Protein backbone atom coordinates (compact mmCIF):
# COMPACT_ATOMS: atom_id res chain seq x y z
CA MET A 1 149.09 15.83 36.41
CA PHE A 2 148.20 17.53 39.67
CA LYS A 3 151.13 17.79 42.09
CA TYR A 4 150.46 18.16 45.81
CA THR A 5 152.67 20.21 48.09
CA ARG A 6 154.03 18.40 51.15
CA PHE A 7 151.56 20.36 53.29
CA GLU A 8 148.58 19.32 51.18
CA LYS A 9 149.72 15.70 51.24
CA ALA A 10 150.10 15.78 55.03
CA ARG A 11 146.64 17.31 55.46
CA VAL A 12 144.89 14.86 53.12
CA VAL A 13 146.64 11.78 54.52
CA GLY A 14 146.06 12.93 58.11
CA ALA A 15 142.37 13.60 57.52
CA ARG A 16 141.91 10.23 55.80
CA ALA A 17 143.80 8.40 58.58
CA LEU A 18 141.43 9.97 61.12
CA GLN A 19 138.44 8.83 59.08
CA ILE A 20 139.78 5.27 58.94
CA ALA A 21 140.55 5.30 62.67
CA MET A 22 136.95 6.36 63.34
CA GLY A 23 135.58 3.40 61.39
CA ALA A 24 135.41 4.48 57.74
CA PRO A 25 135.97 1.62 55.29
CA VAL A 26 139.39 1.32 53.67
CA LEU A 27 139.07 1.75 49.90
CA ILE A 28 141.84 -0.66 48.90
CA GLU A 29 143.03 -4.10 49.96
CA VAL A 30 145.51 -3.76 52.82
CA PRO A 31 147.42 -6.34 54.85
CA GLN A 32 146.00 -7.38 58.21
CA GLY A 33 147.32 -5.40 61.19
CA ILE A 34 148.14 -2.22 59.27
CA THR A 35 147.66 1.13 61.07
CA PRO A 36 145.15 3.73 59.86
CA LEU A 37 148.03 6.04 58.91
CA GLU A 38 149.71 3.36 56.81
CA ALA A 39 146.38 2.57 55.13
CA ALA A 40 145.83 6.26 54.35
CA ILE A 41 149.32 6.55 52.85
CA LEU A 42 148.68 3.51 50.63
CA GLU A 43 145.34 5.01 49.52
CA PHE A 44 147.06 8.32 48.72
CA GLU A 45 149.74 6.60 46.66
CA LYS A 46 147.06 4.74 44.66
CA GLY A 47 145.06 7.97 44.19
CA VAL A 48 141.78 6.72 45.63
CA ILE A 49 141.26 9.12 48.54
CA PRO A 50 137.93 10.93 48.05
CA ILE A 51 139.27 14.30 49.24
CA THR A 52 139.99 17.22 46.92
CA VAL A 53 142.34 20.16 47.35
CA ILE A 54 141.14 23.57 46.24
CA ARG A 55 143.84 26.21 45.89
CA PRO A 56 142.97 29.90 45.95
CA THR A 57 143.65 31.79 42.74
CA SER A 58 145.44 35.08 43.07
């Protein structure tokens, strides 16, 4: 299974939270009144965020 570093996780969740804040639809069912950041974290934990991480090979 792919393991994200804490920096990758922060970047993906932050980017997704910005998308949600700008009006993108949330991809999972979330409680009413949840913040975009909380919604992005829930999406990340469920593995449904449509963002990929590409690591350079050295």
